[in-house]
Amino acid sequence: MASVYQINKSINRPIEFKGIRAQYITYMAVGLVALLLLFAIGYLIGISSYLLVPLVGVGGFILVSRIYKLSHKHGEHGMMKASAFRRVPTAVVCRSRKPLTALKRKGGSL
């Protein structure tokens, strides 16, 4: 029996699939492809399948749980906002008035 999945909720809303929103779908896809490549390379090298299957399984579980956690914690744009907020300095330190007086002499407005 075929399963039917709903991908879009409605028009002008972000893509959501099984609770994962927006860019996290891409992160999930990239992670799963990386795990597939890890398994394929390990198999071609000759690593035992008894070691590879649990390794990839645990890696997949960690990936999926981490992506769900990030998606629910930050939402659609929250992770980008949080990383941008971390780059904002807490204070601007100006130990000299020289840059400010130079602006006034050059005709700059302050």
N, C-alpha and C. Protein backbone atom coordinates (compact mmCIF):
# COMPACT_ATOMS: atom_id res chain seq x y z
N MET A 1 0.84 -1.16 0.00
CA MET A 1 0.00 0.00 0.00
C MET A 1 0.89 1.24 0.00
N ALA A 2 0.59 2.20 -0.85
CA ALA A 2 1.41 3.40 -0.99
C ALA A 2 1.09 4.40 0.10
N SER A 3 2.13 5.07 0.59
CA SER A 3 1.96 6.11 1.59
C SER A 3 1.87 7.46 0.92
N VAL A 4 1.08 8.33 1.49
CA VAL A 4 0.94 9.68 0.95
C VAL A 4 1.44 10.65 2.00
N TYR A 5 2.41 11.48 1.62
CA TYR A 5 2.98 12.46 2.53
C TYR A 5 2.58 13.85 2.09
N GLN A 6 2.20 14.69 3.05
CA GLN A 6 1.95 16.08 2.74
C GLN A 6 3.22 16.86 2.96
N ILE A 7 3.61 17.64 1.96
CA ILE A 7 4.84 18.41 2.08
C ILE A 7 4.52 19.87 2.39
N ASN A 8 3.68 20.52 1.62
CA ASN A 8 3.34 21.91 1.85
C ASN A 8 2.03 22.01 2.61
N LYS A 9 1.99 22.87 3.61
CA LYS A 9 0.75 23.08 4.37
C LYS A 9 -0.20 23.98 3.59
N SER A 10 0.30 25.10 3.08
CA SER A 10 -0.52 26.01 2.29
C SER A 10 0.39 26.97 1.54
N ILE A 11 -0.23 27.89 0.83
CA ILE A 11 0.53 28.86 0.05
C ILE A 11 1.17 29.87 1.00
N ASN A 12 2.37 30.33 0.63
CA ASN A 12 3.15 31.32 1.39
C ASN A 12 3.54 30.86 2.79
N ARG A 13 3.63 29.59 3.02
CA ARG A 13 4.13 29.05 4.29
C ARG A 13 5.39 28.26 3.98
N PRO A 14 6.30 28.15 4.92
CA PRO A 14 7.54 27.42 4.65
C PRO A 14 7.27 25.92 4.47
N ILE A 15 8.17 25.28 3.75
CA ILE A 15 8.06 23.84 3.54
C ILE A 15 8.25 23.14 4.88
N GLU A 16 7.41 22.15 5.14
CA GLU A 16 7.53 21.37 6.36
C GLU A 16 7.28 19.91 6.01
N PHE A 17 8.17 19.04 6.46
CA PHE A 17 8.03 17.62 6.21
C PHE A 17 8.26 16.87 7.50
N LYS A 18 7.24 16.24 8.01
CA LYS A 18 7.33 15.44 9.24
C LYS A 18 7.89 16.24 10.42
N GLY A 19 7.55 17.52 10.51
CA GLY A 19 7.98 18.35 11.62
C GLY A 19 9.29 19.07 11.40
N ILE A 20 9.97 18.80 10.30
CA ILE A 20 11.22 19.47 9.99
C ILE A 20 10.91 20.63 9.05
N ARG A 21 11.38 21.83 9.41
CA ARG A 21 11.02 23.02 8.65
C ARG A 21 12.20 23.56 7.84
N ALA A 22 11.88 24.17 6.72
CA ALA A 22 12.74 25.02 5.89
C ALA A 22 14.10 24.41 5.60
N GLN A 23 15.18 25.10 6.00
CA GLN A 23 16.53 24.69 5.61
C GLN A 23 16.97 23.40 6.28
N TYR A 24 16.27 22.98 7.33
CA TYR A 24 16.66 21.75 8.03
C TYR A 24 16.39 20.52 7.17
N ILE A 25 15.49 20.61 6.22
CA ILE A 25 15.27 19.51 5.27
C ILE A 25 16.54 19.31 4.44
N THR A 26 17.17 20.40 4.04
CA THR A 26 18.42 20.31 3.28
C THR A 26 19.53 19.73 4.13
N TYR A 27 19.62 20.18 5.38
CA TYR A 27 20.64 19.64 6.28
C TYR A 27 20.47 18.13 6.46
N MET A 28 19.22 17.70 6.57
CA MET A 28 18.94 16.27 6.73
C MET A 28 19.36 15.50 5.49
N ALA A 29 19.05 16.03 4.31
CA ALA A 29 19.39 15.35 3.06
C ALA A 29 20.91 15.24 2.91
N VAL A 30 21.61 16.32 3.19
CA VAL A 30 23.08 16.30 3.07
C VAL A 30 23.68 15.30 4.06
N GLY A 31 23.17 15.27 5.27
CA GLY A 31 23.67 14.34 6.27
C GLY A 31 23.43 12.89 5.88
N LEU A 32 22.26 12.60 5.34
CA LEU A 32 21.96 11.23 4.93
C LEU A 32 22.82 10.79 3.75
N VAL A 33 23.07 11.70 2.82
CA VAL A 33 23.96 11.38 1.69
C VAL A 33 25.38 11.13 2.20
N ALA A 34 25.83 11.92 3.17
CA ALA A 34 27.15 11.73 3.75
C ALA A 34 27.25 10.36 4.44
N LEU A 35 26.19 9.96 5.15
CA LEU A 35 26.20 8.64 5.78
C LEU A 35 26.21 7.52 4.73
N LEU A 36 25.49 7.70 3.64
CA LEU A 36 25.49 6.72 2.57
C LEU A 36 26.89 6.59 1.96
N LEU A 37 27.55 7.73 1.73
CA LEU A 37 28.90 7.70 1.19
C LEU A 37 29.88 7.07 2.18
N LEU A 38 29.70 7.35 3.46
CA LEU A 38 30.54 6.73 4.49
C LEU A 38 30.41 5.21 4.46
N PHE A 39 29.18 4.74 4.35
CA PHE A 39 28.97 3.30 4.28
C PHE A 39 29.59 2.70 3.02
N ALA A 40 29.37 3.38 1.86
CA ALA A 40 29.90 2.85 0.60
C ALA A 40 31.42 2.81 0.61
N ILE A 41 32.05 3.87 1.09
CA ILE A 41 33.52 3.91 1.12
C ILE A 41 34.05 2.87 2.11
N GLY A 42 33.42 2.74 3.25
CA GLY A 42 33.84 1.73 4.22
C GLY A 42 33.70 0.32 3.67
N TYR A 43 32.62 0.08 2.95
CA TYR A 43 32.40 -1.25 2.36
C TYR A 43 33.44 -1.55 1.29
N LEU A 44 33.77 -0.54 0.47
CA LEU A 44 34.76 -0.74 -0.59
C LEU A 44 36.17 -0.93 -0.02
N ILE A 45 36.45 -0.27 1.08
CA ILE A 45 37.76 -0.44 1.72
C ILE A 45 37.90 -1.84 2.30
N GLY A 46 36.78 -2.40 2.75
CA GLY A 46 36.81 -3.74 3.29
C GLY A 46 36.49 -3.82 4.77
N ILE A 47 35.93 -2.78 5.31
CA ILE A 47 35.51 -2.81 6.72
C ILE A 47 34.30 -3.73 6.84
N SER A 48 34.25 -4.48 7.91
CA SER A 48 33.19 -5.45 8.11
C SER A 48 31.82 -4.78 8.17
N SER A 49 30.84 -5.43 7.56
CA SER A 49 29.48 -4.91 7.58
C SER A 49 28.90 -4.92 8.99
N TYR A 50 29.38 -5.85 9.82
CA TYR A 50 28.92 -5.91 11.21
C TYR A 50 29.35 -4.68 12.00
N LEU A 51 30.38 -4.01 11.53
CA LEU A 51 30.83 -2.78 12.16
C LEU A 51 30.20 -1.55 11.49
N LEU A 52 30.05 -1.60 10.16
CA LEU A 52 29.53 -0.45 9.41
C LEU A 52 28.05 -0.18 9.67
N VAL A 53 27.24 -1.21 9.71
CA VAL A 53 25.79 -1.01 9.87
C VAL A 53 25.46 -0.34 11.20
N PRO A 54 26.00 -0.81 12.34
CA PRO A 54 25.71 -0.09 13.58
C PRO A 54 26.29 1.33 13.60
N LEU A 55 27.47 1.51 13.00
CA LEU A 55 28.08 2.83 12.96
C LEU A 55 27.21 3.82 12.19
N VAL A 56 26.74 3.42 11.01
CA VAL A 56 25.89 4.28 10.21
C VAL A 56 24.52 4.44 10.88
N GLY A 57 24.02 3.39 11.51
CA GLY A 57 22.74 3.48 12.22
C GLY A 57 22.78 4.47 13.37
N VAL A 58 23.84 4.41 14.16
CA VAL A 58 23.98 5.35 15.28
C VAL A 58 24.18 6.77 14.73
N GLY A 59 24.98 6.90 13.68
CA GLY A 59 25.18 8.21 13.06
C GLY A 59 23.88 8.78 12.51
N GLY A 60 23.06 7.93 11.91
CA GLY A 60 21.76 8.37 11.40
C GLY A 60 20.82 8.80 12.52
N PHE A 61 20.83 8.03 13.61
CA PHE A 61 19.98 8.38 14.76
C PHE A 61 20.39 9.73 15.35
N ILE A 62 21.70 9.92 15.51
CA ILE A 62 22.19 11.19 16.04
C ILE A 62 21.85 12.34 15.10
N LEU A 63 22.02 12.12 13.80
CA LEU A 63 21.70 13.16 12.81
C LEU A 63 20.23 13.55 12.87
N VAL A 64 19.35 12.57 12.84
CA VAL A 64 17.91 12.85 12.84
C VAL A 64 17.48 13.53 14.14
N SER A 65 17.95 13.03 15.27
CA SER A 65 17.55 13.64 16.54
C SER A 65 18.08 15.07 16.66
N ARG A 66 19.29 15.31 16.18
CA ARG A 66 19.87 16.66 16.24
C ARG A 66 19.12 17.62 15.32
N ILE A 67 18.77 17.16 14.12
CA ILE A 67 18.04 18.01 13.18
C ILE A 67 16.66 18.36 13.74
N TYR A 68 15.95 17.37 14.31
CA TYR A 68 14.65 17.65 14.91
C TYR A 68 14.79 18.65 16.06
N LYS A 69 15.82 18.48 16.88
CA LYS A 69 16.02 19.39 18.01
C LYS A 69 16.27 20.81 17.51
N LEU A 70 17.13 20.97 16.51
CA LEU A 70 17.42 22.29 15.98
C LEU A 70 16.19 22.91 15.33
N SER A 71 15.43 22.10 14.60
CA SER A 71 14.24 22.61 13.92
C SER A 71 13.19 23.11 14.91
N HIS A 72 13.01 22.37 15.99
CA HIS A 72 12.00 22.78 16.97
C HIS A 72 12.50 23.93 17.85
N LYS A 73 13.80 23.98 18.10
CA LYS A 73 14.34 25.03 18.96
C LYS A 73 14.38 26.37 18.24
N HIS A 74 14.88 26.39 17.00
CA HIS A 74 15.11 27.65 16.30
C HIS A 74 14.03 28.03 15.31
N GLY A 75 13.30 27.08 14.78
CA GLY A 75 12.26 27.41 13.81
C GLY A 75 12.84 27.66 12.42
N GLU A 76 12.08 28.40 11.63
CA GLU A 76 12.42 28.57 10.22
C GLU A 76 13.70 29.39 10.01
N HIS A 77 13.79 30.55 10.63
CA HIS A 77 14.95 31.43 10.44
C HIS A 77 15.76 31.62 11.71
N GLY A 78 15.39 30.98 12.79
CA GLY A 78 15.99 31.25 14.08
C GLY A 78 17.46 30.92 14.19
N MET A 79 17.92 29.86 13.52
CA MET A 79 19.32 29.49 13.63
C MET A 79 20.20 30.54 12.95
N MET A 80 19.75 31.08 11.83
CA MET A 80 20.50 32.14 11.16
C MET A 80 20.52 33.40 12.02
N LYS A 81 19.39 33.72 12.67
CA LYS A 81 19.34 34.88 13.55
C LYS A 81 20.26 34.69 14.75
N ALA A 82 20.29 33.51 15.32
CA ALA A 82 21.15 33.24 16.47
C ALA A 82 22.62 33.35 16.10
N SER A 83 23.01 32.82 14.94
CA SER A 83 24.41 32.91 14.54
C SER A 83 24.79 34.35 14.21
N ALA A 84 23.87 35.13 13.64
CA ALA A 84 24.14 36.54 13.37
C ALA A 84 24.26 37.32 14.68
N PHE A 85 23.43 37.00 15.66
CA PHE A 85 23.47 37.70 16.94
C PHE A 85 24.78 37.43 17.68
N ARG A 86 25.34 36.24 17.52
CA ARG A 86 26.61 35.91 18.17
C ARG A 86 27.77 36.74 17.61
N ARG A 87 27.65 37.19 16.35
CA ARG A 87 28.71 37.97 15.74
C ARG A 87 28.63 39.46 16.06
N VAL A 88 27.56 39.91 16.68
CA VAL A 88 27.42 41.32 17.04
C VAL A 88 28.28 41.59 18.28
N PRO A 89 29.12 42.62 18.23
CA PRO A 89 29.95 42.89 19.41
C PRO A 89 29.09 43.39 20.57
N THR A 90 29.54 43.09 21.77
CA THR A 90 28.78 43.52 22.95
C THR A 90 28.95 45.01 23.20
N ALA A 91 30.10 45.55 22.82
CA ALA A 91 30.34 46.98 23.00
C ALA A 91 31.35 47.46 21.97
N VAL A 92 31.25 48.74 21.62
CA VAL A 92 32.22 49.36 20.73
C VAL A 92 33.11 50.22 21.61
N VAL A 93 34.38 49.90 21.64
CA VAL A 93 35.33 50.61 22.50
C VAL A 93 36.10 51.60 21.65
N CYS A 94 36.05 52.85 22.04
CA CYS A 94 36.79 53.91 21.36
C CYS A 94 37.64 54.60 22.42
N ARG A 95 38.94 54.36 22.42
CA ARG A 95 39.82 54.89 23.45
C ARG A 95 40.36 56.28 23.11
N SER A 96 40.10 56.74 21.91
CA SER A 96 40.60 58.03 21.50
C SER A 96 39.49 58.80 20.77
N ARG A 97 39.58 60.14 20.84
CA ARG A 97 38.60 60.96 20.12
C ARG A 97 39.07 61.27 18.70
N LYS A 98 40.27 60.83 18.34
CA LYS A 98 40.85 61.14 17.04
C LYS A 98 39.95 60.75 15.86
N PRO A 99 39.40 59.53 15.80
CA PRO A 99 38.54 59.18 14.66
C PRO A 99 37.32 60.09 14.56
N LEU A 100 36.79 60.50 15.71
CA LEU A 100 35.59 61.34 15.69
C LEU A 100 35.92 62.76 15.26
N THR A 101 37.04 63.30 15.70
CA THR A 101 37.41 64.66 15.29
C THR A 101 37.81 64.68 13.82
N ALA A 102 38.39 63.59 13.33
CA ALA A 102 38.75 63.53 11.91
C ALA A 102 37.50 63.55 11.05
N LEU A 103 36.43 62.97 11.50
CA LEU A 103 35.18 63.00 10.74
C LEU A 103 34.65 64.43 10.62
N LYS A 104 34.77 65.18 11.70
CA LYS A 104 34.25 66.54 11.71
C LYS A 104 35.05 67.42 10.75
N ARG A 105 36.37 67.24 10.69
CA ARG A 105 37.22 68.04 9.82
C ARG A 105 36.97 67.73 8.35
N LYS A 106 36.66 66.46 8.03
CA LYS A 106 36.46 66.08 6.63
C LYS A 106 35.07 66.47 6.13
N GLY A 107 34.24 66.95 6.98
CA GLY A 107 32.90 67.35 6.56
C GLY A 107 31.87 66.25 6.75
N GLY A 108 32.27 65.19 7.40
CA GLY A 108 31.33 64.11 7.65
C GLY A 108 30.33 64.48 8.72
N SER A 109 29.18 63.92 8.68
CA SER A 109 28.17 64.21 9.68
C SER A 109 28.18 63.13 10.75
N LEU A 110 27.87 63.53 11.95
CA LEU A 110 27.86 62.57 13.03
C LEU A 110 26.60 62.62 13.81
